[in-house]
Amino acid sequence: MKSSAGEAKIFGAAMKRWREKRGLTQDGLAGLAGIASSYVSHIERGEHAPSLTIILKLSFALQILPGDLLSDFTFPTMKKLKLNG
């Protein structure tokens, strides 16, 4: 799903942090998750918001819980994103 919204940028930054923490390249993460490395790049740049299935694949590849990828979405952050309408 294409997106230029703030939530895609926040998710992408979190995914990049976890990828680097695990010592993986974008290609390495893509291979473990079974997705294209170009898609990993688009997600990290906040150009695409991944589906739930992709989030689950990424979390499995990173050996973390899906919630770890979403932990930056605190109530104050969500309020700033104006997700309520």
Protein backbone atom coordinates (compact mmCIF):
# COMPACT_ATOMS: atom_id res chain seq x y z
CA MET A 1 0.00 0.00 0.00
CA LYS A 2 1.49 3.34 -1.04
CA SER A 3 1.58 5.99 1.60
CA SER A 4 3.26 9.29 2.35
CA ALA A 5 1.61 9.47 5.75
CA GLY A 6 3.49 9.86 8.98
CA GLU A 7 2.65 6.37 10.15
CA ALA A 8 4.57 4.83 7.25
CA LYS A 9 7.63 6.92 8.12
CA ILE A 10 7.44 5.98 11.81
CA PHE A 11 7.09 2.28 10.98
CA GLY A 12 9.92 2.43 8.45
CA ALA A 13 12.28 4.04 10.94
CA ALA A 14 11.47 1.38 13.55
CA MET A 15 12.01 -1.42 11.06
CA LYS A 16 15.37 0.04 10.03
CA ARG A 17 16.48 0.28 13.67
CA TRP A 18 15.60 -3.36 14.28
CA ARG A 19 17.24 -4.47 11.04
CA GLU A 20 20.47 -2.67 11.92
CA LYS A 21 20.31 -3.97 15.50
CA ARG A 22 20.19 -7.50 14.07
CA GLY A 23 23.13 -6.74 11.76
CA LEU A 24 21.13 -7.34 8.62
CA THR A 25 21.28 -5.62 5.26
CA GLN A 26 18.08 -4.78 3.43
CA ASP A 27 18.79 -7.72 1.11
CA GLY A 28 19.35 -10.00 4.10
CA LEU A 29 16.09 -9.00 5.76
CA ALA A 30 14.22 -9.32 2.48
CA GLY A 31 15.57 -12.83 1.98
CA LEU A 32 14.61 -13.94 5.48
CA ALA A 33 11.14 -12.39 5.15
CA GLY A 34 10.54 -13.68 1.62
CA ILE A 35 9.91 -10.23 0.14
CA ALA A 36 11.72 -8.07 -2.42
CA SER A 37 14.64 -5.99 -1.17
CA SER A 38 13.23 -2.99 -3.05
CA TYR A 39 10.07 -3.34 -0.93
CA VAL A 40 12.16 -3.29 2.25
CA SER A 41 13.78 -0.10 0.99
CA HIS A 42 10.40 1.51 0.23
CA ILE A 43 9.10 0.60 3.70
CA GLU A 44 12.19 1.99 5.44
CA ARG A 45 11.87 5.28 3.54
CA GLY A 46 8.22 5.55 4.57
CA GLU A 47 6.98 5.24 0.99
CA HIS A 48 4.88 2.14 1.67
CA ALA A 49 2.85 1.09 4.69
CA PRO A 50 3.06 -2.70 4.95
CA SER A 51 0.10 -5.02 5.35
CA LEU A 52 -0.36 -7.11 8.47
CA THR A 53 1.00 -10.15 6.62
CA ILE A 54 4.21 -8.26 5.75
CA ILE A 55 4.55 -7.01 9.34
CA LEU A 56 4.28 -10.61 10.55
CA LYS A 57 6.88 -11.80 8.01
CA LEU A 58 9.25 -8.99 9.00
CA SER A 59 8.86 -9.62 12.72
CA PHE A 60 9.51 -13.34 12.22
CA ALA A 61 12.59 -12.58 10.12
CA LEU A 62 13.85 -10.14 12.76
CA GLN A 63 12.98 -12.60 15.55
CA ILE A 64 10.88 -10.05 17.41
CA LEU A 65 7.22 -9.70 18.27
CA PRO A 66 5.08 -7.73 15.83
CA GLY A 67 4.38 -5.26 18.62
CA ASP A 68 8.08 -4.44 18.79
CA LEU A 69 7.82 -2.98 15.29
CA LEU A 70 4.83 -0.93 16.41
CA SER A 71 6.14 0.22 19.79
CA ASP A 72 6.81 3.77 18.56
CA PHE A 73 3.07 4.23 18.11
CA THR A 74 2.38 5.63 21.57
CA PHE A 75 -0.86 7.46 22.36
CA PRO A 76 0.81 10.88 22.00
CA THR A 77 2.27 9.85 18.63
CA MET A 78 -1.08 8.56 17.39
CA LYS A 79 -2.76 11.76 18.54
CA LYS A 80 -0.25 13.80 16.51
CA LEU A 81 -1.01 11.62 13.47
CA LYS A 82 -4.71 12.47 13.87
CA LEU A 83 -5.79 8.89 13.27
CA ASN A 84 -9.22 9.48 14.73
CA GLY A 85 -10.75 10.89 11.61
